[in-house]
Every structure is written in structure tokens, then in C-alpha cells.
Amino acid sequence: MQKRPEASEYPAYYSSYVNLVPEGDIVSILSQQKNEMIELLKDMTEMQSLFQYDSDKWTVKEVLGHIVDTERIMGYRLLCFARGEASPLPGFDENAYVQNASFNILSIQELLESFSAVRLSTIHLLKSLDSAAWSREGTANGTVVTVHAIASIIAGHELHHRKILKERYFNGK
């Protein structure tokens, strides 16, 4: 897909993510993002990766783990809706997921490998879709969303958190 989804394809609360995604081929954008995220974090020390900019905020590792978990969930939704799933899918509590994960005991390299693997899985899934699948929709977390929109939400979610990492964790670097 070469353009952003229409606002009617997703719940309004995702617009901040979708609006971050540039126009262009979403598969290429996701691939480029994978490389950019790895470049951003690959030289980080373990001590640096445990940094929190405030006591009630996630560590860098937890942010990356959250990105991975969210992409896994969104990728599942994308697969379900592309294949015509009619059953509604549940939402998830991102804070509970991070709290119940052990991201901080994993190395930053292990988390980057997970990010890369999940992103490649998303890219391969998107490449396998025919044109009809992109416009299919389903219900997740009580709202209707299209496959096309989910792909952009995945990209925008990563961009949102990468911006936070740069601004709040790395002092704008």
C-alpha cells in the first residue's frame, strides 16, 4: 500500500500513530524502521538500557519489549482479519504486559533480535497479502479496524516510541 489509511479505517485514538507514518510503501517503511531502531540501540550498554527518565516510567528495555509485544498482538490481529476472522479479538493492558514480562533480565541485544524477528515476520505477512486482504476489517478491543490500518498503526507505534526514546531517554539525540 502506498498511502495512509483513511480515518474511517481505524479508531480515532490511533490517529496519532497513523499520522506519524510518511506516505509510501508500508512494507518498505517497516523495513527501514527495523534498521533505524537497531542502529539507534545497538551500541547501548546494559546499564544504559536500564535507564528510566522517571521512577514510574519504563526502562529502555521495557520500551523495546513493549514495542515487540504490541507488534506481536497487532500482527496477530492483522493475520486474523486478513484471513476473514469474524470473531471479535480482545484488547490488552500494555502496563500489565510490561509488568509481567522480564524484559530487564534480557540483554538489549536479545531484545533487538526479538524486535528484528517480529518485524521481519510482519513484513513477510504483509508481502503475502493479496489486494483484497488489505481492505478486510475486523473488531479488536471493541472497535473496527482494517488490515491496511493495522500495518500503519504498527509503523506509527514504533515511530511514537522511538521519538520518546530520543527525546526523554537520550536527551534529543
N, C-alpha and C. Protein backbone atom coordinates (compact mmCIF):
# COMPACT_ATOMS: atom_id res chain seq x y z
N MET A 1 0.85 -1.19 0.00
CA MET A 1 0.00 0.00 0.00
C MET A 1 0.88 1.24 0.00
N GLN A 2 0.49 2.19 -0.79
CA GLN A 2 1.30 3.39 -0.98
C GLN A 2 0.83 4.61 -0.21
N LYS A 3 -0.35 4.55 0.39
CA LYS A 3 -0.83 5.72 1.11
C LYS A 3 -1.38 5.33 2.48
N ARG A 4 -1.49 6.32 3.32
CA ARG A 4 -2.03 6.09 4.65
C ARG A 4 -3.49 5.66 4.56
N PRO A 5 -3.94 4.90 5.54
CA PRO A 5 -5.36 4.53 5.57
C PRO A 5 -6.23 5.76 5.83
N GLU A 6 -7.47 5.66 5.40
CA GLU A 6 -8.45 6.72 5.68
C GLU A 6 -8.82 6.67 7.16
N ALA A 7 -9.24 7.80 7.70
CA ALA A 7 -9.62 7.87 9.11
C ALA A 7 -10.77 6.92 9.44
N SER A 8 -11.56 6.58 8.47
CA SER A 8 -12.69 5.67 8.69
C SER A 8 -12.24 4.21 8.86
N GLU A 9 -10.96 3.93 8.65
CA GLU A 9 -10.45 2.56 8.71
C GLU A 9 -9.95 2.16 10.10
N TYR A 10 -9.96 3.08 11.04
CA TYR A 10 -9.41 2.79 12.37
C TYR A 10 -10.03 3.72 13.41
N PRO A 11 -9.97 3.32 14.68
CA PRO A 11 -10.48 4.18 15.75
C PRO A 11 -9.66 5.47 15.86
N ALA A 12 -10.30 6.55 16.22
CA ALA A 12 -9.65 7.86 16.29
C ALA A 12 -8.41 7.87 17.18
N TYR A 13 -8.41 7.05 18.24
CA TYR A 13 -7.27 7.09 19.16
C TYR A 13 -5.98 6.60 18.50
N TYR A 14 -6.06 5.96 17.35
CA TYR A 14 -4.85 5.55 16.63
C TYR A 14 -4.33 6.62 15.67
N SER A 15 -5.06 7.72 15.53
CA SER A 15 -4.67 8.73 14.54
C SER A 15 -3.29 9.32 14.83
N SER A 16 -2.93 9.44 16.11
CA SER A 16 -1.60 10.00 16.41
C SER A 16 -0.48 9.09 15.89
N TYR A 17 -0.72 7.78 15.86
CA TYR A 17 0.26 6.85 15.30
C TYR A 17 0.25 6.91 13.78
N VAL A 18 -0.94 6.80 13.20
CA VAL A 18 -1.06 6.77 11.74
C VAL A 18 -0.49 8.04 11.13
N ASN A 19 -0.73 9.18 11.76
CA ASN A 19 -0.25 10.45 11.22
C ASN A 19 1.27 10.59 11.24
N LEU A 20 1.95 9.78 12.04
CA LEU A 20 3.42 9.80 12.07
C LEU A 20 4.04 9.10 10.87
N VAL A 21 3.27 8.24 10.23
CA VAL A 21 3.81 7.41 9.15
C VAL A 21 3.81 8.20 7.85
N PRO A 22 4.97 8.28 7.18
CA PRO A 22 5.01 9.01 5.91
C PRO A 22 4.25 8.26 4.82
N GLU A 23 3.84 8.99 3.81
CA GLU A 23 3.25 8.35 2.63
C GLU A 23 4.32 7.46 2.01
N GLY A 24 3.90 6.38 1.41
CA GLY A 24 4.84 5.48 0.74
C GLY A 24 4.48 4.04 1.02
N ASP A 25 5.26 3.16 0.46
CA ASP A 25 5.04 1.73 0.60
C ASP A 25 5.26 1.31 2.05
N ILE A 26 4.21 0.82 2.70
CA ILE A 26 4.28 0.50 4.12
C ILE A 26 5.28 -0.62 4.40
N VAL A 27 5.44 -1.56 3.50
CA VAL A 27 6.41 -2.64 3.70
C VAL A 27 7.83 -2.06 3.71
N SER A 28 8.11 -1.15 2.81
CA SER A 28 9.43 -0.51 2.78
C SER A 28 9.66 0.34 4.03
N ILE A 29 8.62 1.02 4.47
CA ILE A 29 8.71 1.85 5.68
C ILE A 29 9.02 0.97 6.88
N LEU A 30 8.31 -0.14 7.02
CA LEU A 30 8.56 -1.05 8.15
C LEU A 30 9.97 -1.63 8.10
N SER A 31 10.44 -1.95 6.93
CA SER A 31 11.80 -2.48 6.78
C SER A 31 12.84 -1.43 7.17
N GLN A 32 12.64 -0.22 6.72
CA GLN A 32 13.56 0.87 7.07
C GLN A 32 13.55 1.13 8.57
N GLN A 33 12.36 1.09 9.17
CA GLN A 33 12.25 1.30 10.62
C GLN A 33 13.05 0.25 11.39
N LYS A 34 13.00 -0.99 10.93
CA LYS A 34 13.74 -2.05 11.61
C LYS A 34 15.21 -1.67 11.69
N ASN A 35 15.76 -1.24 10.57
CA ASN A 35 17.17 -0.87 10.52
C ASN A 35 17.46 0.35 11.40
N GLU A 36 16.56 1.31 11.40
CA GLU A 36 16.76 2.53 12.18
C GLU A 36 16.71 2.26 13.68
N MET A 37 15.79 1.42 14.11
CA MET A 37 15.70 1.09 15.54
C MET A 37 16.95 0.32 15.99
N ILE A 38 17.39 -0.61 15.18
CA ILE A 38 18.59 -1.37 15.53
C ILE A 38 19.79 -0.43 15.61
N GLU A 39 19.90 0.47 14.67
CA GLU A 39 21.00 1.44 14.66
C GLU A 39 20.96 2.32 15.91
N LEU A 40 19.78 2.72 16.32
CA LEU A 40 19.62 3.58 17.50
C LEU A 40 20.10 2.90 18.78
N LEU A 41 19.83 1.59 18.91
CA LEU A 41 20.06 0.92 20.19
C LEU A 41 21.23 -0.07 20.21
N LYS A 42 21.85 -0.36 19.09
CA LYS A 42 22.82 -1.45 19.01
C LYS A 42 24.07 -1.24 19.86
N ASP A 43 24.46 -0.01 20.10
CA ASP A 43 25.68 0.26 20.87
C ASP A 43 25.40 0.60 22.33
N MET A 44 24.16 0.46 22.74
CA MET A 44 23.76 0.78 24.10
C MET A 44 24.33 -0.25 25.08
N THR A 45 24.84 0.22 26.19
CA THR A 45 25.32 -0.70 27.23
C THR A 45 24.13 -1.23 28.02
N GLU A 46 24.37 -2.29 28.76
CA GLU A 46 23.31 -2.85 29.60
C GLU A 46 22.87 -1.83 30.64
N MET A 47 23.80 -1.09 31.21
CA MET A 47 23.45 -0.08 32.21
C MET A 47 22.59 1.01 31.58
N GLN A 48 22.97 1.46 30.41
CA GLN A 48 22.18 2.48 29.72
C GLN A 48 20.77 1.97 29.40
N SER A 49 20.66 0.70 29.07
CA SER A 49 19.36 0.14 28.67
C SER A 49 18.40 -0.02 29.84
N LEU A 50 18.90 0.14 31.06
CA LEU A 50 18.05 0.07 32.25
C LEU A 50 17.62 1.46 32.73
N PHE A 51 17.97 2.49 31.96
CA PHE A 51 17.63 3.87 32.33
C PHE A 51 16.12 4.11 32.26
N GLN A 52 15.61 4.83 33.26
CA GLN A 52 14.24 5.34 33.29
C GLN A 52 14.35 6.84 33.46
N TYR A 53 13.61 7.62 32.70
CA TYR A 53 13.70 9.07 32.87
C TYR A 53 12.88 9.57 34.06
N ASP A 54 12.06 8.69 34.64
CA ASP A 54 11.34 9.00 35.87
C ASP A 54 11.05 7.66 36.56
N SER A 55 10.85 7.70 37.87
CA SER A 55 10.72 6.45 38.63
C SER A 55 9.53 5.60 38.23
N ASP A 56 8.49 6.20 37.66
CA ASP A 56 7.31 5.43 37.28
C ASP A 56 7.25 5.14 35.77
N LYS A 57 8.37 5.35 35.09
CA LYS A 57 8.43 5.11 33.64
C LYS A 57 9.21 3.84 33.35
N TRP A 58 8.96 3.30 32.17
CA TRP A 58 9.63 2.08 31.75
C TRP A 58 11.11 2.32 31.46
N THR A 59 11.91 1.27 31.58
CA THR A 59 13.31 1.34 31.16
C THR A 59 13.34 1.28 29.63
N VAL A 60 14.51 1.55 29.06
CA VAL A 60 14.68 1.43 27.61
C VAL A 60 14.32 0.00 27.18
N LYS A 61 14.78 -0.99 27.94
CA LYS A 61 14.46 -2.38 27.61
C LYS A 61 12.96 -2.63 27.63
N GLU A 62 12.28 -2.05 28.61
CA GLU A 62 10.83 -2.24 28.70
C GLU A 62 10.11 -1.54 27.55
N VAL A 63 10.60 -0.39 27.12
CA VAL A 63 10.02 0.28 25.96
C VAL A 63 10.16 -0.61 24.73
N LEU A 64 11.36 -1.14 24.52
CA LEU A 64 11.58 -2.01 23.37
C LEU A 64 10.74 -3.28 23.47
N GLY A 65 10.68 -3.87 24.65
CA GLY A 65 9.84 -5.05 24.85
C GLY A 65 8.38 -4.76 24.58
N HIS A 66 7.92 -3.59 24.99
CA HIS A 66 6.55 -3.17 24.73
C HIS A 66 6.30 -3.04 23.22
N ILE A 67 7.23 -2.48 22.51
CA ILE A 67 7.10 -2.36 21.06
C ILE A 67 6.96 -3.75 20.43
N VAL A 68 7.78 -4.67 20.89
CA VAL A 68 7.75 -6.05 20.36
C VAL A 68 6.41 -6.71 20.70
N ASP A 69 6.00 -6.64 21.96
CA ASP A 69 4.72 -7.24 22.35
C ASP A 69 3.56 -6.67 21.55
N THR A 70 3.53 -5.36 21.41
CA THR A 70 2.44 -4.71 20.68
C THR A 70 2.44 -5.14 19.22
N GLU A 71 3.62 -5.23 18.62
CA GLU A 71 3.66 -5.67 17.22
C GLU A 71 3.21 -7.12 17.08
N ARG A 72 3.55 -7.95 18.05
CA ARG A 72 3.06 -9.34 18.03
C ARG A 72 1.53 -9.37 18.06
N ILE A 73 0.94 -8.59 18.93
CA ILE A 73 -0.51 -8.55 19.06
C ILE A 73 -1.14 -7.96 17.80
N MET A 74 -0.60 -6.87 17.33
CA MET A 74 -1.14 -6.25 16.12
C MET A 74 -0.94 -7.16 14.91
N GLY A 75 0.18 -7.87 14.87
CA GLY A 75 0.43 -8.81 13.78
C GLY A 75 -0.59 -9.94 13.78
N TYR A 76 -0.95 -10.41 14.97
CA TYR A 76 -1.98 -11.44 15.09
C TYR A 76 -3.32 -10.90 14.60
N ARG A 77 -3.65 -9.69 15.00
CA ARG A 77 -4.89 -9.08 14.54
C ARG A 77 -4.88 -8.94 13.02
N LEU A 78 -3.77 -8.50 12.49
CA LEU A 78 -3.63 -8.34 11.05
C LEU A 78 -3.86 -9.67 10.34
N LEU A 79 -3.23 -10.73 10.82
CA LEU A 79 -3.41 -12.07 10.24
C LEU A 79 -4.87 -12.50 10.32
N CYS A 80 -5.46 -12.37 11.49
CA CYS A 80 -6.85 -12.79 11.67
C CYS A 80 -7.78 -12.07 10.69
N PHE A 81 -7.67 -10.77 10.62
CA PHE A 81 -8.58 -10.00 9.78
C PHE A 81 -8.29 -10.22 8.29
N ALA A 82 -7.03 -10.37 7.94
CA ALA A 82 -6.69 -10.66 6.53
C ALA A 82 -7.28 -11.98 6.09
N ARG A 83 -7.40 -12.91 7.01
CA ARG A 83 -7.93 -14.24 6.68
C ARG A 83 -9.45 -14.32 6.87
N GLY A 84 -10.07 -13.21 7.25
CA GLY A 84 -11.52 -13.16 7.32
C GLY A 84 -12.12 -13.52 8.66
N GLU A 85 -11.34 -13.47 9.72
CA GLU A 85 -11.86 -13.78 11.06
C GLU A 85 -13.03 -12.85 11.40
N ALA A 86 -14.14 -13.46 11.81
CA ALA A 86 -15.33 -12.68 12.16
C ALA A 86 -15.48 -12.47 13.67
N SER A 87 -14.80 -13.28 14.48
CA SER A 87 -14.92 -13.15 15.93
C SER A 87 -14.15 -11.92 16.42
N PRO A 88 -14.73 -11.17 17.34
CA PRO A 88 -14.01 -10.03 17.91
C PRO A 88 -12.78 -10.51 18.69
N LEU A 89 -11.73 -9.73 18.62
CA LEU A 89 -10.49 -10.02 19.35
C LEU A 89 -10.40 -9.08 20.55
N PRO A 90 -9.79 -9.56 21.64
CA PRO A 90 -9.73 -8.75 22.86
C PRO A 90 -8.70 -7.64 22.77
N GLY A 91 -8.82 -6.70 23.67
CA GLY A 91 -7.79 -5.69 23.85
C GLY A 91 -6.71 -6.25 24.77
N PHE A 92 -5.79 -5.40 25.20
CA PHE A 92 -4.75 -5.82 26.14
C PHE A 92 -4.32 -4.62 26.96
N ASP A 93 -3.82 -4.90 28.14
CA ASP A 93 -3.34 -3.87 29.05
C ASP A 93 -1.82 -3.80 28.93
N GLU A 94 -1.35 -2.79 28.23
CA GLU A 94 0.09 -2.68 27.96
C GLU A 94 0.92 -2.61 29.24
N ASN A 95 0.41 -1.97 30.26
CA ASN A 95 1.17 -1.87 31.52
C ASN A 95 1.28 -3.22 32.21
N ALA A 96 0.21 -3.99 32.20
CA ALA A 96 0.26 -5.33 32.78
C ALA A 96 1.21 -6.23 32.00
N TYR A 97 1.21 -6.09 30.68
CA TYR A 97 2.11 -6.91 29.87
C TYR A 97 3.57 -6.61 30.23
N VAL A 98 3.91 -5.34 30.34
CA VAL A 98 5.29 -4.98 30.68
C VAL A 98 5.61 -5.43 32.11
N GLN A 99 4.69 -5.21 33.02
CA GLN A 99 4.90 -5.60 34.42
C GLN A 99 5.13 -7.10 34.54
N ASN A 100 4.44 -7.90 33.74
CA ASN A 100 4.54 -9.34 33.82
C ASN A 100 5.59 -9.95 32.91
N ALA A 101 6.29 -9.11 32.20
CA ALA A 101 7.40 -9.57 31.35
C ALA A 101 8.70 -9.43 32.15
N SER A 102 9.71 -10.03 31.65
CA SER A 102 11.03 -9.94 32.29
C SER A 102 12.03 -9.27 31.35
N PHE A 103 11.60 -8.18 30.76
CA PHE A 103 12.45 -7.52 29.77
C PHE A 103 13.80 -7.09 30.34
N ASN A 104 13.82 -6.65 31.58
CA ASN A 104 15.06 -6.14 32.16
C ASN A 104 16.11 -7.21 32.43
N ILE A 105 15.72 -8.49 32.43
CA ILE A 105 16.74 -9.53 32.62
C ILE A 105 17.29 -10.02 31.28
N LEU A 106 16.65 -9.62 30.19
CA LEU A 106 17.17 -9.93 28.86
C LEU A 106 18.22 -8.89 28.49
N SER A 107 19.14 -9.28 27.65
CA SER A 107 20.11 -8.29 27.17
C SER A 107 19.45 -7.41 26.12
N ILE A 108 19.99 -6.22 25.94
CA ILE A 108 19.46 -5.33 24.91
C ILE A 108 19.61 -6.00 23.54
N GLN A 109 20.66 -6.78 23.36
CA GLN A 109 20.86 -7.50 22.10
C GLN A 109 19.75 -8.53 21.88
N GLU A 110 19.38 -9.25 22.92
CA GLU A 110 18.28 -10.23 22.80
C GLU A 110 16.97 -9.53 22.43
N LEU A 111 16.72 -8.39 23.03
CA LEU A 111 15.50 -7.64 22.72
C LEU A 111 15.53 -7.10 21.29
N LEU A 112 16.69 -6.66 20.84
CA LEU A 112 16.81 -6.21 19.45
C LEU A 112 16.60 -7.36 18.48
N GLU A 113 17.08 -8.55 18.83
CA GLU A 113 16.86 -9.72 17.99
C GLU A 113 15.37 -10.07 17.94
N SER A 114 14.68 -9.96 19.07
CA SER A 114 13.24 -10.20 19.09
C SER A 114 12.52 -9.17 18.22
N PHE A 115 12.90 -7.92 18.35
CA PHE A 115 12.30 -6.86 17.53
C PHE A 115 12.50 -7.18 16.05
N SER A 116 13.72 -7.52 15.69
CA SER A 116 14.02 -7.82 14.29
C SER A 116 13.21 -9.01 13.78
N ALA A 117 13.12 -10.06 14.58
CA ALA A 117 12.37 -11.26 14.17
C ALA A 117 10.89 -10.95 14.00
N VAL A 118 10.32 -10.23 14.95
CA VAL A 118 8.90 -9.91 14.87
C VAL A 118 8.64 -8.98 13.69
N ARG A 119 9.50 -8.01 13.49
CA ARG A 119 9.32 -7.08 12.37
C ARG A 119 9.44 -7.83 11.03
N LEU A 120 10.40 -8.72 10.92
CA LEU A 120 10.52 -9.49 9.68
C LEU A 120 9.28 -10.35 9.46
N SER A 121 8.73 -10.92 10.51
CA SER A 121 7.51 -11.70 10.41
C SER A 121 6.36 -10.83 9.89
N THR A 122 6.23 -9.63 10.42
CA THR A 122 5.20 -8.70 9.97
C THR A 122 5.38 -8.37 8.49
N ILE A 123 6.61 -8.09 8.10
CA ILE A 123 6.91 -7.75 6.71
C ILE A 123 6.56 -8.91 5.78
N HIS A 124 6.95 -10.11 6.16
CA HIS A 124 6.64 -11.28 5.31
C HIS A 124 5.14 -11.50 5.21
N LEU A 125 4.43 -11.32 6.31
CA LEU A 125 2.97 -11.46 6.27
C LEU A 125 2.36 -10.44 5.31
N LEU A 126 2.78 -9.20 5.43
CA LEU A 126 2.23 -8.15 4.56
C LEU A 126 2.54 -8.42 3.09
N LYS A 127 3.73 -8.90 2.82
CA LYS A 127 4.10 -9.21 1.43
C LYS A 127 3.25 -10.33 0.85
N SER A 128 2.71 -11.19 1.71
CA SER A 128 1.94 -12.33 1.24
C SER A 128 0.47 -12.00 0.95
N LEU A 129 0.02 -10.80 1.32
CA LEU A 129 -1.38 -10.46 1.18
C LEU A 129 -1.74 -10.07 -0.25
N ASP A 130 -2.91 -10.52 -0.69
CA ASP A 130 -3.41 -10.05 -1.97
C ASP A 130 -4.12 -8.71 -1.75
N SER A 131 -4.51 -8.06 -2.82
CA SER A 131 -5.08 -6.71 -2.68
C SER A 131 -6.39 -6.71 -1.89
N ALA A 132 -7.18 -7.76 -1.99
CA ALA A 132 -8.45 -7.81 -1.25
C ALA A 132 -8.23 -7.86 0.25
N ALA A 133 -7.18 -8.54 0.69
CA ALA A 133 -6.92 -8.69 2.13
C ALA A 133 -6.67 -7.35 2.82
N TRP A 134 -6.06 -6.41 2.13
CA TRP A 134 -5.72 -5.12 2.73
C TRP A 134 -6.95 -4.36 3.19
N SER A 135 -8.07 -4.54 2.54
CA SER A 135 -9.27 -3.78 2.91
C SER A 135 -10.19 -4.54 3.87
N ARG A 136 -9.84 -5.77 4.19
CA ARG A 136 -10.67 -6.52 5.14
C ARG A 136 -10.59 -5.87 6.52
N GLU A 137 -11.66 -6.04 7.26
CA GLU A 137 -11.70 -5.44 8.59
C GLU A 137 -12.18 -6.44 9.61
N GLY A 138 -11.93 -6.11 10.85
CA GLY A 138 -12.37 -6.92 11.96
C GLY A 138 -12.51 -6.06 13.19
N THR A 139 -12.93 -6.68 14.27
CA THR A 139 -13.13 -5.96 15.52
C THR A 139 -12.08 -6.40 16.54
N ALA A 140 -11.39 -5.43 17.09
CA ALA A 140 -10.42 -5.67 18.15
C ALA A 140 -10.63 -4.61 19.22
N ASN A 141 -10.63 -5.04 20.46
CA ASN A 141 -10.82 -4.12 21.57
C ASN A 141 -12.11 -3.31 21.41
N GLY A 142 -13.12 -3.94 20.83
CA GLY A 142 -14.42 -3.29 20.69
C GLY A 142 -14.55 -2.30 19.56
N THR A 143 -13.54 -2.19 18.70
CA THR A 143 -13.60 -1.24 17.60
C THR A 143 -13.21 -1.92 16.28
N VAL A 144 -13.70 -1.38 15.19
CA VAL A 144 -13.43 -1.92 13.87
C VAL A 144 -12.17 -1.28 13.29
N VAL A 145 -11.33 -2.12 12.66
CA VAL A 145 -10.08 -1.66 12.06
C VAL A 145 -9.79 -2.51 10.83
N THR A 146 -9.17 -1.90 9.81
CA THR A 146 -8.81 -2.65 8.60
C THR A 146 -7.38 -3.18 8.71
N VAL A 147 -7.09 -4.14 7.87
CA VAL A 147 -5.73 -4.69 7.77
C VAL A 147 -4.77 -3.57 7.38
N HIS A 148 -5.15 -2.76 6.41
CA HIS A 148 -4.33 -1.63 5.96
C HIS A 148 -3.99 -0.71 7.13
N ALA A 149 -4.99 -0.41 7.95
CA ALA A 149 -4.76 0.48 9.09
C ALA A 149 -3.83 -0.16 10.11
N ILE A 150 -3.99 -1.45 10.35
CA ILE A 150 -3.13 -2.11 11.34
C ILE A 150 -1.66 -2.01 10.93
N ALA A 151 -1.38 -2.18 9.65
CA ALA A 151 0.01 -2.05 9.18
C ALA A 151 0.56 -0.66 9.51
N SER A 152 -0.24 0.36 9.29
CA SER A 152 0.20 1.73 9.60
C SER A 152 0.28 1.98 11.09
N ILE A 153 -0.62 1.38 11.86
CA ILE A 153 -0.57 1.53 13.32
C ILE A 153 0.71 0.92 13.86
N ILE A 154 1.10 -0.23 13.34
CA ILE A 154 2.36 -0.86 13.76
C ILE A 154 3.53 0.09 13.51
N ALA A 155 3.58 0.65 12.32
CA ALA A 155 4.67 1.58 11.97
C ALA A 155 4.62 2.83 12.85
N GLY A 156 3.44 3.39 13.03
CA GLY A 156 3.30 4.61 13.83
C GLY A 156 3.59 4.39 15.30
N HIS A 157 3.23 3.23 15.81
CA HIS A 157 3.52 2.91 17.21
C HIS A 157 5.02 2.89 17.45
N GLU A 158 5.75 2.26 16.55
CA GLU A 158 7.22 2.22 16.68
C GLU A 158 7.79 3.64 16.59
N LEU A 159 7.32 4.43 15.64
CA LEU A 159 7.81 5.81 15.50
C LEU A 159 7.52 6.63 16.75
N HIS A 160 6.34 6.46 17.31
CA HIS A 160 5.96 7.16 18.54
C HIS A 160 6.96 6.86 19.67
N HIS A 161 7.23 5.57 19.86
CA HIS A 161 8.13 5.21 20.96
C HIS A 161 9.59 5.54 20.65
N ARG A 162 9.99 5.49 19.40
CA ARG A 162 11.35 5.89 19.06
C ARG A 162 11.55 7.38 19.34
N LYS A 163 10.53 8.18 19.05
CA LYS A 163 10.59 9.61 19.36
C LYS A 163 10.73 9.84 20.86
N ILE A 164 9.96 9.10 21.66
CA ILE A 164 10.06 9.21 23.12
C ILE A 164 11.45 8.80 23.60
N LEU A 165 11.98 7.72 23.04
CA LEU A 165 13.33 7.30 23.41
C LEU A 165 14.33 8.42 23.14
N LYS A 166 14.26 9.00 21.97
CA LYS A 166 15.21 10.07 21.60
C LYS A 166 15.04 11.30 22.48
N GLU A 167 13.81 11.71 22.73
CA GLU A 167 13.56 12.96 23.45
C GLU A 167 13.72 12.83 24.96
N ARG A 168 13.24 11.74 25.54
CA ARG A 168 13.20 11.62 27.00
C ARG A 168 14.28 10.74 27.59
N TYR A 169 14.79 9.82 26.80
CA TYR A 169 15.80 8.90 27.31
C TYR A 169 17.20 9.30 26.83
N PHE A 170 17.28 9.85 25.62
CA PHE A 170 18.59 10.16 25.05
C PHE A 170 18.80 11.66 24.88
N ASN A 171 18.00 12.46 25.54
CA ASN A 171 18.13 13.93 25.51
C ASN A 171 18.15 14.50 24.11
N GLY A 172 17.24 14.04 23.27
CA GLY A 172 17.10 14.60 21.94
C GLY A 172 18.07 14.11 20.90
N LYS A 173 18.89 13.11 21.23
CA LYS A 173 19.91 12.62 20.28
C LYS A 173 19.31 11.71 19.26
